[in-house]
Amino acid sequence: MKTETQRINNIVGQLEGIKKMVDEDKDCFEVLTQIKAVRSALRSFSSQYLSSRFSTCMSACKKDQSDEVCAKFMSELLDETL
């Protein structure tokens, strides 16, 4: 299984590939296909990251943060999952 850092590096590599494709004026369909792949990789990473850290994030929010900060975290979480 890849580490979080490896997954992020893969996403960065994909983005660099898209930049190169745009710079080289590659076919729009090919570029859009790669953009979709990056979006999918980001969604997957986000899901994995939140799954592995949700309890920790919520505990920290309850202990160390104001209600406003916790509400913002929950709002961002809901936006991410919808």
N, C-alpha and C. Protein backbone atom coordinates (compact mmCIF):
# COMPACT_ATOMS: atom_id res chain seq x y z
N MET A 1 0.84 -1.19 0.00
CA MET A 1 0.00 0.00 0.00
C MET A 1 0.88 1.25 0.00
N LYS A 2 0.51 2.21 -0.79
CA LYS A 2 1.29 3.44 -0.89
C LYS A 2 1.09 4.31 0.35
N THR A 3 2.15 5.02 0.71
CA THR A 3 2.05 5.97 1.80
C THR A 3 1.32 7.22 1.31
N GLU A 4 0.90 8.04 2.25
CA GLU A 4 0.24 9.29 1.87
C GLU A 4 1.18 10.16 1.03
N THR A 5 2.43 10.20 1.40
CA THR A 5 3.40 11.00 0.65
C THR A 5 3.55 10.48 -0.77
N GLN A 6 3.58 9.17 -0.93
CA GLN A 6 3.68 8.59 -2.27
C GLN A 6 2.45 8.95 -3.10
N ARG A 7 1.29 8.88 -2.49
CA ARG A 7 0.06 9.22 -3.21
C ARG A 7 0.07 10.69 -3.64
N ILE A 8 0.51 11.56 -2.73
CA ILE A 8 0.60 12.99 -3.06
C ILE A 8 1.61 13.20 -4.19
N ASN A 9 2.75 12.54 -4.12
CA ASN A 9 3.76 12.67 -5.18
C ASN A 9 3.22 12.19 -6.52
N ASN A 10 2.42 11.14 -6.52
CA ASN A 10 1.80 10.68 -7.76
C ASN A 10 0.87 11.74 -8.34
N ILE A 11 0.09 12.37 -7.47
CA ILE A 11 -0.83 13.42 -7.92
C ILE A 11 -0.06 14.60 -8.48
N VAL A 12 1.00 14.99 -7.78
CA VAL A 12 1.85 16.09 -8.27
C VAL A 12 2.43 15.73 -9.64
N GLY A 13 2.89 14.49 -9.80
CA GLY A 13 3.41 14.05 -11.09
C GLY A 13 2.36 14.13 -12.18
N GLN A 14 1.14 13.73 -11.85
CA GLN A 14 0.06 13.83 -12.83
C GLN A 14 -0.19 15.29 -13.22
N LEU A 15 -0.18 16.18 -12.24
CA LEU A 15 -0.39 17.60 -12.54
C LEU A 15 0.74 18.16 -13.40
N GLU A 16 1.96 17.75 -13.11
CA GLU A 16 3.09 18.19 -13.94
C GLU A 16 2.93 17.68 -15.36
N GLY A 17 2.43 16.46 -15.51
CA GLY A 17 2.17 15.91 -16.84
C GLY A 17 1.11 16.71 -17.58
N ILE A 18 0.07 17.12 -16.87
CA ILE A 18 -0.97 17.95 -17.49
C ILE A 18 -0.39 19.29 -17.92
N LYS A 19 0.43 19.89 -17.08
CA LYS A 19 1.06 21.18 -17.43
C LYS A 19 1.87 21.03 -18.71
N LYS A 20 2.63 19.95 -18.79
CA LYS A 20 3.44 19.71 -19.98
C LYS A 20 2.55 19.52 -21.21
N MET A 21 1.47 18.79 -21.05
CA MET A 21 0.54 18.57 -22.16
C MET A 21 -0.05 19.89 -22.65
N VAL A 22 -0.41 20.75 -21.70
CA VAL A 22 -0.97 22.06 -22.06
C VAL A 22 0.09 22.90 -22.76
N ASP A 23 1.30 22.91 -22.21
CA ASP A 23 2.40 23.67 -22.81
C ASP A 23 2.69 23.20 -24.24
N GLU A 24 2.52 21.91 -24.47
CA GLU A 24 2.78 21.34 -25.79
C GLU A 24 1.55 21.33 -26.68
N ASP A 25 0.47 21.95 -26.20
CA ASP A 25 -0.78 22.07 -26.96
C ASP A 25 -1.31 20.71 -27.42
N LYS A 26 -1.33 19.76 -26.49
CA LYS A 26 -1.83 18.42 -26.79
C LYS A 26 -3.33 18.45 -26.99
N ASP A 27 -3.84 17.37 -27.53
CA ASP A 27 -5.26 17.21 -27.80
C ASP A 27 -6.08 17.46 -26.53
N CYS A 28 -7.15 18.24 -26.66
CA CYS A 28 -7.99 18.59 -25.51
C CYS A 28 -8.56 17.35 -24.82
N PHE A 29 -8.97 16.37 -25.60
CA PHE A 29 -9.54 15.16 -25.02
C PHE A 29 -8.53 14.45 -24.13
N GLU A 30 -7.29 14.38 -24.57
CA GLU A 30 -6.24 13.75 -23.76
C GLU A 30 -6.00 14.52 -22.46
N VAL A 31 -6.00 15.84 -22.56
CA VAL A 31 -5.79 16.67 -21.37
C VAL A 31 -6.96 16.48 -20.40
N LEU A 32 -8.17 16.52 -20.90
CA LEU A 32 -9.33 16.34 -20.03
C LEU A 32 -9.35 14.96 -19.37
N THR A 33 -8.90 13.95 -20.09
CA THR A 33 -8.81 12.61 -19.53
C THR A 33 -7.86 12.60 -18.34
N GLN A 34 -6.74 13.29 -18.48
CA GLN A 34 -5.77 13.36 -17.38
C GLN A 34 -6.30 14.20 -16.22
N ILE A 35 -7.04 15.24 -16.52
CA ILE A 35 -7.65 16.06 -15.46
C ILE A 35 -8.62 15.20 -14.65
N LYS A 36 -9.42 14.40 -15.34
CA LYS A 36 -10.35 13.50 -14.64
C LYS A 36 -9.59 12.52 -13.77
N ALA A 37 -8.47 12.03 -14.25
CA ALA A 37 -7.66 11.09 -13.47
C ALA A 37 -7.14 11.76 -12.19
N VAL A 38 -6.72 13.01 -12.29
CA VAL A 38 -6.22 13.74 -11.12
C VAL A 38 -7.36 13.97 -10.12
N ARG A 39 -8.51 14.36 -10.64
CA ARG A 39 -9.66 14.57 -9.75
C ARG A 39 -10.01 13.29 -9.00
N SER A 40 -9.99 12.18 -9.71
CA SER A 40 -10.27 10.89 -9.09
C SER A 40 -9.22 10.55 -8.04
N ALA A 41 -7.96 10.79 -8.35
CA ALA A 41 -6.88 10.52 -7.40
C ALA A 41 -7.01 11.40 -6.16
N LEU A 42 -7.39 12.66 -6.35
CA LEU A 42 -7.58 13.56 -5.20
C LEU A 42 -8.76 13.11 -4.34
N ARG A 43 -9.86 12.71 -4.99
CA ARG A 43 -11.00 12.23 -4.22
C ARG A 43 -10.63 10.99 -3.41
N SER A 44 -9.90 10.10 -4.05
CA SER A 44 -9.48 8.88 -3.38
C SER A 44 -8.57 9.20 -2.20
N PHE A 45 -7.60 10.08 -2.42
CA PHE A 45 -6.69 10.47 -1.33
C PHE A 45 -7.46 11.13 -0.20
N SER A 46 -8.36 12.03 -0.55
CA SER A 46 -9.14 12.74 0.47
C SER A 46 -9.95 11.76 1.30
N SER A 47 -10.58 10.81 0.65
CA SER A 47 -11.37 9.82 1.36
C SER A 47 -10.51 8.98 2.29
N GLN A 48 -9.38 8.52 1.78
CA GLN A 48 -8.47 7.70 2.59
C GLN A 48 -7.92 8.51 3.77
N TYR A 49 -7.54 9.75 3.49
CA TYR A 49 -6.97 10.61 4.53
C TYR A 49 -7.99 10.86 5.64
N LEU A 50 -9.20 11.22 5.24
CA LEU A 50 -10.23 11.49 6.25
C LEU A 50 -10.61 10.23 7.02
N SER A 51 -10.67 9.11 6.34
CA SER A 51 -11.01 7.86 7.02
C SER A 51 -9.99 7.52 8.09
N SER A 52 -8.73 7.75 7.77
CA SER A 52 -7.69 7.39 8.73
C SER A 52 -7.53 8.41 9.85
N ARG A 53 -8.06 9.59 9.68
CA ARG A 53 -7.83 10.64 10.67
C ARG A 53 -9.09 11.26 11.26
N PHE A 54 -10.25 10.78 10.87
CA PHE A 54 -11.49 11.43 11.31
C PHE A 54 -11.59 11.52 12.82
N SER A 55 -11.38 10.42 13.51
CA SER A 55 -11.50 10.41 14.98
C SER A 55 -10.52 11.38 15.62
N THR A 56 -9.30 11.39 15.12
CA THR A 56 -8.28 12.29 15.65
C THR A 56 -8.68 13.75 15.43
N CYS A 57 -9.15 14.03 14.23
CA CYS A 57 -9.55 15.42 13.91
C CYS A 57 -10.72 15.86 14.79
N MET A 58 -11.69 14.99 14.96
CA MET A 58 -12.84 15.34 15.78
C MET A 58 -12.44 15.51 17.25
N SER A 59 -11.59 14.64 17.74
CA SER A 59 -11.14 14.76 19.13
C SER A 59 -10.40 16.06 19.36
N ALA A 60 -9.52 16.39 18.42
CA ALA A 60 -8.76 17.65 18.53
C ALA A 60 -9.71 18.84 18.47
N CYS A 61 -10.69 18.75 17.61
CA CYS A 61 -11.65 19.84 17.47
C CYS A 61 -12.40 20.05 18.79
N LYS A 62 -12.85 18.99 19.38
CA LYS A 62 -13.60 19.10 20.63
C LYS A 62 -12.74 19.64 21.77
N LYS A 63 -11.50 19.23 21.82
CA LYS A 63 -10.62 19.62 22.93
C LYS A 63 -10.03 21.02 22.76
N ASP A 64 -9.56 21.31 21.53
CA ASP A 64 -8.70 22.47 21.36
C ASP A 64 -9.31 23.64 20.59
N GLN A 65 -10.46 23.44 20.01
CA GLN A 65 -10.96 24.48 19.11
C GLN A 65 -12.31 25.03 19.60
N SER A 66 -12.62 26.19 19.08
CA SER A 66 -13.91 26.80 19.39
C SER A 66 -15.01 26.09 18.59
N ASP A 67 -16.24 26.34 18.99
CA ASP A 67 -17.38 25.76 18.26
C ASP A 67 -17.37 26.21 16.80
N GLU A 68 -16.95 27.44 16.57
CA GLU A 68 -16.91 27.98 15.21
C GLU A 68 -15.93 27.19 14.33
N VAL A 69 -14.76 26.88 14.86
CA VAL A 69 -13.76 26.12 14.12
C VAL A 69 -14.27 24.71 13.85
N CYS A 70 -14.90 24.10 14.83
CA CYS A 70 -15.45 22.75 14.67
C CYS A 70 -16.56 22.74 13.62
N ALA A 71 -17.40 23.75 13.65
CA ALA A 71 -18.48 23.85 12.66
C ALA A 71 -17.90 24.02 11.26
N LYS A 72 -16.84 24.79 11.14
CA LYS A 72 -16.20 24.97 9.84
C LYS A 72 -15.60 23.64 9.35
N PHE A 73 -14.96 22.90 10.24
CA PHE A 73 -14.41 21.59 9.88
C PHE A 73 -15.52 20.69 9.36
N MET A 74 -16.64 20.63 10.06
CA MET A 74 -17.75 19.78 9.64
C MET A 74 -18.32 20.25 8.31
N SER A 75 -18.41 21.54 8.11
CA SER A 75 -18.89 22.07 6.83
C SER A 75 -17.97 21.67 5.68
N GLU A 76 -16.67 21.81 5.91
CA GLU A 76 -15.69 21.41 4.88
C GLU A 76 -15.76 19.91 4.62
N LEU A 77 -15.94 19.13 5.66
CA LEU A 77 -16.06 17.69 5.53
C LEU A 77 -17.28 17.33 4.68
N LEU A 78 -18.40 17.96 4.97
CA LEU A 78 -19.62 17.70 4.19
C LEU A 78 -19.46 18.11 2.74
N ASP A 79 -18.83 19.25 2.50
CA ASP A 79 -18.58 19.70 1.12
C ASP A 79 -17.72 18.69 0.38
N GLU A 80 -16.76 18.12 1.07
CA GLU A 80 -15.82 17.17 0.46
C GLU A 80 -16.52 15.87 0.10
N THR A 81 -17.46 15.44 0.91
CA THR A 81 -18.08 14.14 0.70
C THR A 81 -19.28 14.20 -0.21
N LEU A 82 -19.80 15.35 -0.49
CA LEU A 82 -21.00 15.45 -1.36
C LEU A 82 -20.63 15.51 -2.82
